[in-house]
Amino acid sequence: MFKAWVLLLMGWLGVLAFMPAWFANVWILAVGVLLVLKKRPPVWLGVLAPIFAASAWWWTNWYDDTGNVPICHYHAGYWVWLGAALASLAVTLIVRMRTTSA
């Protein structure tokens, strides 16, 4: 559990290594906040979240003080995070269809 919080708080440093995937958290959070405030989130927010999240597949090694450590597999937290990004896209599309047809 502690490692997950460290990745959430320190993951933005990946941007310095040209890894923009952490910004998917911003887009997922923005969609969630807009939904809680009962506002219609724009579809582009829902599109950006999975695109940025999918950019994590570009990273094949984890770099630390011992050198390159290959990423062999993804754990459940990664797939839940990717699912949340896809869900934000689905939610923005559903909200858009419901408000335009009403």
PDB file of N, CA and C in Angstrom:
ATOM      1  N   MET A   1       0.819  -1.192   0.000  1.00  0.00           N
ATOM      2  CA  MET A   1       0.000   0.000   0.000  1.00  0.00           C
ATOM      3  C   MET A   1       0.866   1.261   0.000  1.00  0.00           C
ATOM      4  N   PHE A   2       1.941   1.236   0.767  1.00  0.00           N
ATOM      5  CA  PHE A   2       2.820   2.394   0.846  1.00  0.00           C
ATOM      6  C   PHE A   2       3.441   2.708  -0.515  1.00  0.00           C
ATOM      7  N   LYS A   3       3.815   1.675  -1.272  1.00  0.00           N
ATOM      8  CA  LYS A   3       4.429   1.887  -2.577  1.00  0.00           C
ATOM      9  C   LYS A   3       3.468   2.596  -3.523  1.00  0.00           C
ATOM     10  N   ALA A   4       2.187   2.286  -3.416  1.00  0.00           N
ATOM     11  CA  ALA A   4       1.194   2.929  -4.284  1.00  0.00           C
ATOM     12  C   ALA A   4       1.126   4.422  -4.015  1.00  0.00           C
ATOM     13  N   TRP A   5       1.163   4.808  -2.749  1.00  0.00           N
ATOM     14  CA  TRP A   5       1.130   6.237  -2.409  1.00  0.00           C
ATOM     15  C   TRP A   5       2.402   6.933  -2.879  1.00  0.00           C
ATOM     16  N   VAL A   6       3.524   6.259  -2.767  1.00  0.00           N
ATOM     17  CA  VAL A   6       4.780   6.843  -3.225  1.00  0.00           C
ATOM     18  C   VAL A   6       4.718   7.080  -4.730  1.00  0.00           C
ATOM     19  N   LEU A   7       4.181   6.108  -5.476  1.00  0.00           N
ATOM     20  CA  LEU A   7       4.063   6.282  -6.922  1.00  0.00           C
ATOM     21  C   LEU A   7       3.106   7.416  -7.267  1.00  0.00           C
ATOM     22  N   LEU A   8       2.021   7.529  -6.518  1.00  0.00           N
ATOM     23  CA  LEU A   8       1.075   8.607  -6.793  1.00  0.00           C
ATOM     24  C   LEU A   8       1.700   9.966  -6.532  1.00  0.00           C
ATOM     25  N   LEU A   9       2.428  10.081  -5.442  1.00  0.00           N
ATOM     26  CA  LEU A   9       3.009  11.367  -5.076  1.00  0.00           C
ATOM     27  C   LEU A   9       4.273  11.701  -5.865  1.00  0.00           C
ATOM     28  N   MET A  10       5.042  10.693  -6.209  1.00  0.00           N
ATOM     29  CA  MET A  10       6.310  10.938  -6.882  1.00  0.00           C
ATOM     30  C   MET A  10       6.266  10.620  -8.380  1.00  0.00           C
ATOM     31  N   GLY A  11       5.170  10.044  -8.836  1.00  0.00           N
ATOM     32  CA  GLY A  11       5.072   9.629 -10.231  1.00  0.00           C
ATOM     33  C   GLY A  11       5.206  10.758 -11.218  1.00  0.00           C
ATOM     34  N   TRP A  12       4.823  11.959 -10.813  1.00  0.00           N
ATOM     35  CA  TRP A  12       4.923  13.100 -11.725  1.00  0.00           C
ATOM     36  C   TRP A  12       6.366  13.370 -12.132  1.00  0.00           C
ATOM     37  N   LEU A  13       7.322  12.870 -11.361  1.00  0.00           N
ATOM     38  CA  LEU A  13       8.721  13.039 -11.739  1.00  0.00           C
ATOM     39  C   LEU A  13       9.060  12.294 -13.024  1.00  0.00           C
ATOM     40  N   GLY A  14       8.200  11.334 -13.392  1.00  0.00           N
ATOM     41  CA  GLY A  14       8.393  10.638 -14.657  1.00  0.00           C
ATOM     42  C   GLY A  14       8.328  11.558 -15.851  1.00  0.00           C
ATOM     43  N   VAL A  15       7.662  12.694 -15.699  1.00  0.00           N
ATOM     44  CA  VAL A  15       7.585  13.673 -16.780  1.00  0.00           C
ATOM     45  C   VAL A  15       8.990  14.149 -17.151  1.00  0.00           C
ATOM     46  N   LEU A  16       9.870  14.210 -16.160  1.00  0.00           N
ATOM     47  CA  LEU A  16      11.252  14.608 -16.431  1.00  0.00           C
ATOM     48  C   LEU A  16      11.982  13.583 -17.298  1.00  0.00           C
ATOM     49  N   ALA A  17      11.476  12.343 -17.302  1.00  0.00           N
ATOM     50  CA  ALA A  17      12.049  11.284 -18.140  1.00  0.00           C
ATOM     51  C   ALA A  17      11.183  11.060 -19.381  1.00  0.00           C
ATOM     52  N   PHE A  18      10.389  12.070 -19.728  1.00  0.00           N
ATOM     53  CA  PHE A  18       9.500  12.019 -20.889  1.00  0.00           C
ATOM     54  C   PHE A  18       8.457  10.912 -20.773  1.00  0.00           C
ATOM     55  N   MET A  19       7.918  10.730 -19.580  1.00  0.00           N
ATOM     56  CA  MET A  19       6.856   9.756 -19.329  1.00  0.00           C
ATOM     57  C   MET A  19       5.629  10.508 -18.840  1.00  0.00           C
ATOM     58  N   PRO A  20       4.692  10.841 -19.726  1.00  0.00           N
ATOM     59  CA  PRO A  20       3.546  11.672 -19.352  1.00  0.00           C
ATOM     60  C   PRO A  20       2.388  10.907 -18.716  1.00  0.00           C
ATOM     61  N   ALA A  21       2.530   9.618 -18.471  1.00  0.00           N
ATOM     62  CA  ALA A  21       1.397   8.807 -18.016  1.00  0.00           C
ATOM     63  C   ALA A  21       0.795   9.300 -16.705  1.00  0.00           C
ATOM     64  N   TRP A  22       1.604   9.895 -15.845  1.00  0.00           N
ATOM     65  CA  TRP A  22       1.089  10.342 -14.558  1.00  0.00           C
ATOM     66  C   TRP A  22      -0.014  11.374 -14.729  1.00  0.00           C
ATOM     67  N   PHE A  23       0.021  12.157 -15.811  1.00  0.00           N
ATOM     68  CA  PHE A  23      -0.992  13.184 -16.016  1.00  0.00           C
ATOM     69  C   PHE A  23      -2.385  12.604 -16.237  1.00  0.00           C
ATOM     70  N   ALA A  24      -2.477  11.311 -16.507  1.00  0.00           N
ATOM     71  CA  ALA A  24      -3.796  10.678 -16.599  1.00  0.00           C
ATOM     72  C   ALA A  24      -4.542  10.827 -15.277  1.00  0.00           C
ATOM     73  N   ASN A  25      -3.811  10.849 -14.160  1.00  0.00           N
ATOM     74  CA  ASN A  25      -4.447  11.055 -12.852  1.00  0.00           C
ATOM     75  C   ASN A  25      -5.168  12.394 -12.799  1.00  0.00           C
ATOM     76  N   VAL A  26      -4.570  13.405 -13.396  1.00  0.00           N
ATOM     77  CA  VAL A  26      -5.176  14.737 -13.405  1.00  0.00           C
ATOM     78  C   VAL A  26      -6.485  14.716 -14.179  1.00  0.00           C
ATOM     79  N   TRP A  27      -6.475  14.068 -15.341  1.00  0.00           N
ATOM     80  CA  TRP A  27      -7.686  14.024 -16.173  1.00  0.00           C
ATOM     81  C   TRP A  27      -8.770  13.173 -15.519  1.00  0.00           C
ATOM     82  N   ILE A  28      -8.394  12.055 -14.903  1.00  0.00           N
ATOM     83  CA  ILE A  28      -9.376  11.212 -14.202  1.00  0.00           C
ATOM     84  C   ILE A  28      -9.994  11.996 -13.047  1.00  0.00           C
ATOM     85  N   LEU A  29      -9.156  12.679 -12.299  1.00  0.00           N
ATOM     86  CA  LEU A  29      -9.636  13.479 -11.175  1.00  0.00           C
ATOM     87  C   LEU A  29     -10.544  14.612 -11.653  1.00  0.00           C
ATOM     88  N   ALA A  30     -10.181  15.257 -12.751  1.00  0.00           N
ATOM     89  CA  ALA A  30     -11.001  16.354 -13.285  1.00  0.00           C
ATOM     90  C   ALA A  30     -12.390  15.860 -13.684  1.00  0.00           C
ATOM     91  N   VAL A  31     -12.462  14.706 -14.329  1.00  0.00           N
ATOM     92  CA  VAL A  31     -13.769  14.133 -14.704  1.00  0.00           C
ATOM     93  C   VAL A  31     -14.572  13.835 -13.447  1.00  0.00           C
ATOM     94  N   GLY A  32     -13.933  13.240 -12.452  1.00  0.00           N
ATOM     95  CA  GLY A  32     -14.629  12.924 -11.202  1.00  0.00           C
ATOM     96  C   GLY A  32     -15.151  14.150 -10.492  1.00  0.00           C
ATOM     97  N   VAL A  33     -14.331  15.197 -10.416  1.00  0.00           N
ATOM     98  CA  VAL A  33     -14.750  16.433  -9.743  1.00  0.00           C
ATOM     99  C   VAL A  33     -15.928  17.066 -10.469  1.00  0.00           C
ATOM    100  N   LEU A  34     -15.869  17.115 -11.787  1.00  0.00           N
ATOM    101  CA  LEU A  34     -16.979  17.695 -12.548  1.00  0.00           C
ATOM    102  C   LEU A  34     -18.267  16.895 -12.360  1.00  0.00           C
ATOM    103  N   LEU A  35     -18.147  15.580 -12.272  1.00  0.00           N
ATOM    104  CA  LEU A  35     -19.342  14.762 -12.039  1.00  0.00           C
ATOM    105  C   LEU A  35     -19.917  15.003 -10.650  1.00  0.00           C
ATOM    106  N   VAL A  36     -19.056  15.122  -9.653  1.00  0.00           N
ATOM    107  CA  VAL A  36     -19.516  15.384  -8.286  1.00  0.00           C
ATOM    108  C   VAL A  36     -20.200  16.748  -8.208  1.00  0.00           C
ATOM    109  N   LEU A  37     -19.672  17.712  -8.961  1.00  0.00           N
ATOM    110  CA  LEU A  37     -20.272  19.046  -8.975  1.00  0.00           C
ATOM    111  C   LEU A  37     -21.498  19.125  -9.884  1.00  0.00           C
ATOM    112  N   LYS A  38     -21.901  17.971 -10.425  1.00  0.00           N
ATOM    113  CA  LYS A  38     -23.069  17.858 -11.305  1.00  0.00           C
ATOM    114  C   LYS A  38     -22.928  18.723 -12.558  1.00  0.00           C
ATOM    115  N   LYS A  39     -21.722  18.774 -13.076  1.00  0.00           N
ATOM    116  CA  LYS A  39     -21.463  19.461 -14.334  1.00  0.00           C
ATOM    117  C   LYS A  39     -21.082  18.423 -15.379  1.00  0.00           C
ATOM    118  N   ARG A  40     -21.292  18.760 -16.617  1.00  0.00           N
ATOM    119  CA  ARG A  40     -20.989  17.822 -17.691  1.00  0.00           C
ATOM    120  C   ARG A  40     -19.510  17.919 -18.051  1.00  0.00           C
ATOM    121  N   PRO A  41     -18.740  16.845 -17.822  1.00  0.00           N
ATOM    122  CA  PRO A  41     -17.318  16.890 -18.186  1.00  0.00           C
ATOM    123  C   PRO A  41     -17.164  16.849 -19.705  1.00  0.00           C
ATOM    124  N   PRO A  42     -16.269  17.650 -20.254  1.00  0.00           N
ATOM    125  CA  PRO A  42     -16.073  17.615 -21.701  1.00  0.00           C
ATOM    126  C   PRO A  42     -15.472  16.284 -22.146  1.00  0.00           C
ATOM    127  N   VAL A  43     -15.833  15.864 -23.329  1.00  0.00           N
ATOM    128  CA  VAL A  43     -15.374  14.575 -23.845  1.00  0.00           C
ATOM    129  C   VAL A  43     -13.852  14.558 -23.992  1.00  0.00           C
ATOM    130  N   TRP A  44     -13.260  15.701 -24.287  1.00  0.00           N
ATOM    131  CA  TRP A  44     -11.807  15.709 -24.474  1.00  0.00           C
ATOM    132  C   TRP A  44     -11.070  15.311 -23.205  1.00  0.00           C
ATOM    133  N   LEU A  45     -11.660  15.594 -22.027  1.00  0.00           N
ATOM    134  CA  LEU A  45     -11.036  15.130 -20.778  1.00  0.00           C
ATOM    135  C   LEU A  45     -11.052  13.604 -20.715  1.00  0.00           C
ATOM    136  N   GLY A  46     -12.185  13.039 -21.108  1.00  0.00           N
ATOM    137  CA  GLY A  46     -12.301  11.577 -21.117  1.00  0.00           C
ATOM    138  C   GLY A  46     -11.400  10.924 -22.140  1.00  0.00           C
ATOM    139  N   VAL A  47     -11.118  11.611 -23.230  1.00  0.00           N
ATOM    140  CA  VAL A  47     -10.230  11.074 -24.262  1.00  0.00           C
ATOM    141  C   VAL A  47      -8.770  11.145 -23.798  1.00  0.00           C
ATOM    142  N   LEU A  48      -8.414  12.236 -23.147  1.00  0.00           N
ATOM    143  CA  LEU A  48      -7.021  12.408 -22.719  1.00  0.00           C
ATOM    144  C   LEU A  48      -6.591  11.388 -21.663  1.00  0.00           C
ATOM    145  N   ALA A  49      -7.505  11.029 -20.767  1.00  0.00           N
ATOM    146  CA  ALA A  49      -7.127  10.127 -19.668  1.00  0.00           C
ATOM    147  C   ALA A  49      -6.588   8.788 -20.174  1.00  0.00           C
ATOM    148  N   PRO A  50      -7.309   8.044 -21.027  1.00  0.00           N
ATOM    149  CA  PRO A  50      -6.737   6.767 -21.473  1.00  0.00           C
ATOM    150  C   PRO A  50      -5.532   6.923 -22.401  1.00  0.00           C
ATOM    151  N   ILE A  51      -5.479   8.023 -23.151  1.00  0.00           N
ATOM    152  CA  ILE A  51      -4.316   8.229 -24.022  1.00  0.00           C
ATOM    153  C   ILE A  51      -3.056   8.416 -23.173  1.00  0.00           C
ATOM    154  N   PHE A  52      -3.156   9.268 -22.162  1.00  0.00           N
ATOM    155  CA  PHE A  52      -2.000   9.475 -21.291  1.00  0.00           C
ATOM    156  C   PHE A  52      -1.674   8.216 -20.489  1.00  0.00           C
ATOM    157  N   ALA A  53      -2.705   7.507 -20.030  1.00  0.00           N
ATOM    158  CA  ALA A  53      -2.460   6.274 -19.266  1.00  0.00           C
ATOM    159  C   ALA A  53      -1.797   5.218 -20.133  1.00  0.00           C
ATOM    160  N   ALA A  54      -2.220   5.112 -21.379  1.00  0.00           N
ATOM    161  CA  ALA A  54      -1.635   4.106 -22.270  1.00  0.00           C
ATOM    162  C   ALA A  54      -0.178   4.408 -22.588  1.00  0.00           C
ATOM    163  N   SER A  55       0.233   5.650 -22.413  1.00  0.00           N
ATOM    164  CA  SER A  55       1.638   5.970 -22.678  1.00  0.00           C
ATOM    165  C   SER A  55       2.575   5.270 -21.696  1.00  0.00           C
ATOM    166  N   ALA A  56       2.049   4.716 -20.624  1.00  0.00           N
ATOM    167  CA  ALA A  56       2.884   3.963 -19.679  1.00  0.00           C
ATOM    168  C   ALA A  56       3.454   2.702 -20.326  1.00  0.00           C
ATOM    169  N   TRP A  57       2.829   2.223 -21.381  1.00  0.00           N
ATOM    170  CA  TRP A  57       3.344   1.032 -22.069  1.00  0.00           C
ATOM    171  C   TRP A  57       4.654   1.309 -22.796  1.00  0.00           C
ATOM    172  N   TRP A  58       4.991   2.579 -23.013  1.00  0.00           N
ATOM    173  CA  TRP A  58       6.255   2.908 -23.657  1.00  0.00           C
ATOM    174  C   TRP A  58       7.437   2.619 -22.754  1.00  0.00           C
ATOM    175  N   TRP A  59       7.186   2.632 -21.467  1.00  0.00           N
ATOM    176  CA  TRP A  59       8.270   2.422 -20.510  1.00  0.00           C
ATOM    177  C   TRP A  59       8.508   0.933 -20.329  1.00  0.00           C
ATOM    178  N   THR A  60       9.683   0.471 -20.675  1.00  0.00           N
ATOM    179  CA  THR A  60       9.986  -0.959 -20.554  1.00  0.00           C
ATOM    180  C   THR A  60      10.958  -1.245 -19.418  1.00  0.00           C
ATOM    181  N   ASN A  61      11.567  -0.193 -18.877  1.00  0.00           N
ATOM    182  CA  ASN A  61      12.519  -0.348 -17.771  1.00  0.00           C
ATOM    183  C   ASN A  61      12.195   0.649 -16.677  1.00  0.00           C
ATOM    184  N   TRP A  62      12.485   0.256 -15.472  1.00  0.00           N
ATOM    185  CA  TRP A  62      12.378   1.132 -14.319  1.00  0.00           C
ATOM    186  C   TRP A  62      13.796   1.520 -13.949  1.00  0.00           C
ATOM    187  N   TYR A  63      14.064   2.801 -13.873  1.00  0.00           N
ATOM    188  CA  TYR A  63      15.425   3.271 -13.629  1.00  0.00           C
ATOM    189  C   TYR A  63      15.585   3.640 -12.156  1.00  0.00           C
ATOM    190  N   ASP A  64      16.583   3.077 -11.526  1.00  0.00           N
ATOM    191  CA  ASP A  64      16.890   3.431 -10.139  1.00  0.00           C
ATOM    192  C   ASP A  64      18.404   3.459  -9.965  1.00  0.00           C
ATOM    193  N   ASP A  65      18.857   3.516  -8.729  1.00  0.00           N
ATOM    194  CA  ASP A  65      20.295   3.664  -8.491  1.00  0.00           C
ATOM    195  C   ASP A  65      21.095   2.408  -8.823  1.00  0.00           C
ATOM    196  N   THR A  66      20.415   1.296  -9.077  1.00  0.00           N
ATOM    197  CA  THR A  66      21.136   0.079  -9.457  1.00  0.00           C
ATOM    198  C   THR A  66      21.197  -0.091 -10.971  1.00  0.00           C
ATOM    199  N   GLY A  67      20.562   0.790 -11.697  1.00  0.00           N
ATOM    200  CA  GLY A  67      20.562   0.699 -13.158  1.00  0.00           C
ATOM    201  C   GLY A  67      19.160   0.455 -13.691  1.00  0.00           C
ATOM    202  N   ASN A  68      19.091  -0.176 -14.836  1.00  0.00           N
ATOM    203  CA  ASN A  68      17.805  -0.472 -15.467  1.00  0.00           C
ATOM    204  C   ASN A  68      17.221  -1.761 -14.905  1.00  0.00           C
ATOM    205  N   VAL A  69      15.981  -1.680 -14.475  1.00  0.00           N
ATOM    206  CA  VAL A  69      15.262  -2.848 -13.994  1.00  0.00           C
ATOM    207  C   VAL A  69      14.103  -3.067 -14.947  1.00  0.00           C
ATOM    208  N   PRO A  70      14.083  -4.185 -15.689  1.00  0.00           N
ATOM    209  CA  PRO A  70      13.000  -4.382 -16.657  1.00  0.00           C
ATOM    210  C   PRO A  70      11.654  -4.577 -15.975  1.00  0.00           C
ATOM    211  N   ILE A  71      10.618  -4.020 -16.601  1.00  0.00           N
ATOM    212  CA  ILE A  71       9.254  -4.225 -16.116  1.00  0.00           C
ATOM    213  C   ILE A  71       8.762  -5.526 -16.737  1.00  0.00           C
ATOM    214  N   CYS A  72       8.567  -6.541 -15.910  1.00  0.00           N
ATOM    215  CA  CYS A  72       8.189  -7.868 -16.401  1.00  0.00           C
ATOM    216  C   CYS A  72       6.678  -8.048 -16.477  1.00  0.00           C
ATOM    217  N   HIS A  73       5.957  -7.443 -15.539  1.00  0.00           N
ATOM    218  CA  HIS A  73       4.503  -7.578 -15.530  1.00  0.00           C
ATOM    219  C   HIS A  73       3.895  -6.416 -14.745  1.00  0.00           C
ATOM    220  N   TYR A  74       2.615  -6.229 -14.956  1.00  0.00           N
ATOM    221  CA  TYR A  74       1.886  -5.170 -14.251  1.00  0.00           C
ATOM    222  C   TYR A  74       1.002  -5.813 -13.190  1.00  0.00           C
ATOM    223  N   HIS A  75       0.911  -5.185 -12.045  1.00  0.00           N
ATOM    224  CA  HIS A  75       0.083  -5.697 -10.962  1.00  0.00           C
ATOM    225  C   HIS A  75      -1.340  -5.164 -11.089  1.00  0.00           C
ATOM    226  N   ALA A  76      -2.211  -5.600 -10.215  1.00  0.00           N
ATOM    227  CA  ALA A  76      -3.627  -5.255 -10.280  1.00  0.00           C
ATOM    228  C   ALA A  76      -3.868  -3.752 -10.218  1.00  0.00           C
ATOM    229  N   GLY A  77      -3.084  -3.036  -9.441  1.00  0.00           N
ATOM    230  CA  GLY A  77      -3.265  -1.594  -9.318  1.00  0.00           C
ATOM    231  C   GLY A  77      -3.118  -0.876 -10.645  1.00  0.00           C
ATOM    232  N   TYR A  78      -2.199  -1.347 -11.474  1.00  0.00           N
ATOM    233  CA  TYR A  78      -2.027  -0.736 -12.796  1.00  0.00           C
ATOM    234  C   TYR A  78      -3.274  -0.933 -13.640  1.00  0.00           C
ATOM    235  N   TRP A  79      -3.819  -2.147 -13.617  1.00  0.00           N
ATOM    236  CA  TRP A  79      -4.999  -2.432 -14.444  1.00  0.00           C
ATOM    237  C   TRP A  79      -6.228  -1.695 -13.918  1.00  0.00           C
ATOM    238  N   VAL A  80      -6.332  -1.530 -12.612  1.00  0.00           N
ATOM    239  CA  VAL A  80      -7.440  -0.730 -12.053  1.00  0.00           C
ATOM    240  C   VAL A  80      -7.293   0.725 -12.484  1.00  0.00           C
ATOM    241  N   TRP A  81      -6.084   1.237 -12.455  1.00  0.00           N
ATOM    242  CA  TRP A  81      -5.818   2.616 -12.887  1.00  0.00           C
ATOM    243  C   TRP A  81      -6.149   2.801 -14.362  1.00  0.00           C
ATOM    244  N   LEU A  82      -5.736   1.860 -15.199  1.00  0.00           N
ATOM    245  CA  LEU A  82      -6.045   1.926 -16.620  1.00  0.00           C
ATOM    246  C   LEU A  82      -7.557   1.816 -16.837  1.00  0.00           C
ATOM    247  N   GLY A  83      -8.230   0.963 -16.046  1.00  0.00           N
ATOM    248  CA  GLY A  83      -9.686   0.853 -16.127  1.00  0.00           C
ATOM    249  C   GLY A  83     -10.375   2.147 -15.727  1.00  0.00           C
ATOM    250  N   ALA A  84      -9.829   2.838 -14.745  1.00  0.00           N
ATOM    251  CA  ALA A  84     -10.400   4.130 -14.337  1.00  0.00           C
ATOM    252  C   ALA A  84     -10.265   5.160 -15.455  1.00  0.00           C
ATOM    253  N   ALA A  85      -9.152   5.116 -16.161  1.00  0.00           N
ATOM    254  CA  ALA A  85      -8.973   6.026 -17.290  1.00  0.00           C
ATOM    255  C   ALA A  85      -9.984   5.720 -18.397  1.00  0.00           C
ATOM    256  N   LEU A  86     -10.188   4.442 -18.678  1.00  0.00           N
ATOM    257  CA  LEU A  86     -11.184   4.064 -19.688  1.00  0.00           C
ATOM    258  C   LEU A  86     -12.597   4.380 -19.216  1.00  0.00           C
ATOM    259  N   ALA A  87     -12.845   4.215 -17.931  1.00  0.00           N
ATOM    260  CA  ALA A  87     -14.170   4.538 -17.382  1.00  0.00           C
ATOM    261  C   ALA A  87     -14.442   6.034 -17.487  1.00  0.00           C
ATOM    262  N   SER A  88     -13.415   6.860 -17.329  1.00  0.00           N
ATOM    263  CA  SER A  88     -13.631   8.301 -17.463  1.00  0.00           C
ATOM    264  C   SER A  88     -14.038   8.647 -18.891  1.00  0.00           C
ATOM    265  N   LEU A  89     -13.482   7.942 -19.864  1.00  0.00           N
ATOM    266  CA  LEU A  89     -13.906   8.144 -21.254  1.00  0.00           C
ATOM    267  C   LEU A  89     -15.354   7.700 -21.440  1.00  0.00           C
ATOM    268  N   ALA A  90     -15.677   6.523 -20.925  1.00  0.00           N
ATOM    269  CA  ALA A  90     -17.042   6.009 -21.057  1.00  0.00           C
ATOM    270  C   ALA A  90     -18.057   6.933 -20.387  1.00  0.00           C
ATOM    271  N   VAL A  91     -17.729   7.430 -19.212  1.00  0.00           N
ATOM    272  CA  VAL A  91     -18.646   8.306 -18.482  1.00  0.00           C
ATOM    273  C   VAL A  91     -18.875   9.604 -19.231  1.00  0.00           C
ATOM    274  N   THR A  92     -17.809  10.190 -19.776  1.00  0.00           N
ATOM    275  CA  THR A  92     -17.996  11.446 -20.508  1.00  0.00           C
ATOM    276  C   THR A  92     -18.865  11.232 -21.747  1.00  0.00           C
ATOM    277  N   LEU A  93     -18.706  10.105 -22.407  1.00  0.00           N
ATOM    278  CA  LEU A  93     -19.540   9.817 -23.582  1.00  0.00           C
ATOM    279  C   LEU A  93     -20.992   9.566 -23.191  1.00  0.00           C
ATOM    280  N   ILE A  94     -21.216   8.829 -22.108  1.00  0.00           N
ATOM    281  CA  ILE A  94     -22.580   8.559 -21.654  1.00  0.00           C
ATOM    282  C   ILE A  94     -23.278   9.838 -21.227  1.00  0.00           C
ATOM    283  N   VAL A  95     -22.569  10.671 -20.461  1.00  0.00           N
ATOM    284  CA  VAL A  95     -23.158  11.943 -20.022  1.00  0.00           C
ATOM    285  C   VAL A  95     -23.470  12.813 -21.227  1.00  0.00           C
ATOM    286  N   ARG A  96     -22.594  12.836 -22.210  1.00  0.00           N
ATOM    287  CA  ARG A  96     -22.814  13.627 -23.418  1.00  0.00           C
ATOM    288  C   ARG A  96     -24.054  13.138 -24.163  1.00  0.00           C
ATOM    289  N   MET A  97     -24.204  11.819 -24.308  1.00  0.00           N
ATOM    290  CA  MET A  97     -25.373  11.282 -25.023  1.00  0.00           C
ATOM    291  C   MET A  97     -26.664  11.563 -24.291  1.00  0.00           C
ATOM    292  N   ARG A  98     -26.638  11.457 -22.970  1.00  0.00           N
ATOM    293  CA  ARG A  98     -27.859  11.702 -22.184  1.00  0.00           C
ATOM    294  C   ARG A  98     -28.271  13.157 -22.204  1.00  0.00           C
ATOM    295  N   THR A  99     -27.320  14.089 -22.182  1.00  0.00           N
ATOM    296  CA  THR A  99     -27.686  15.499 -22.136  1.00  0.00           C
ATOM    297  C   THR A  99     -28.053  16.022 -23.513  1.00  0.00           C
ATOM    298  N   THR A 100     -27.511  15.451 -24.574  1.00  0.00           N
ATOM    299  CA  THR A 100     -27.881  15.917 -25.905  1.00  0.00           C
ATOM    300  C   THR A 100     -29.217  15.346 -26.356  1.00  0.00           C
ATOM    301  N   SER A 101     -29.586  14.168 -25.833  1.00  0.00           N
ATOM    302  CA  SER A 101     -30.861  13.566 -26.240  1.00  0.00           C
ATOM    303  C   SER A 101     -32.012  14.067 -25.364  1.00  0.00           C
ATOM    304  N   ALA A 102     -31.720  14.705 -24.258  1.00  0.00           N
ATOM    305  CA  ALA A 102     -32.780  15.166 -23.353  1.00  0.00           C
ATOM    306  C   ALA A 102     -33.301  16.536 -23.736  1.00  0.00           C
TER     307      ALA A 102
END
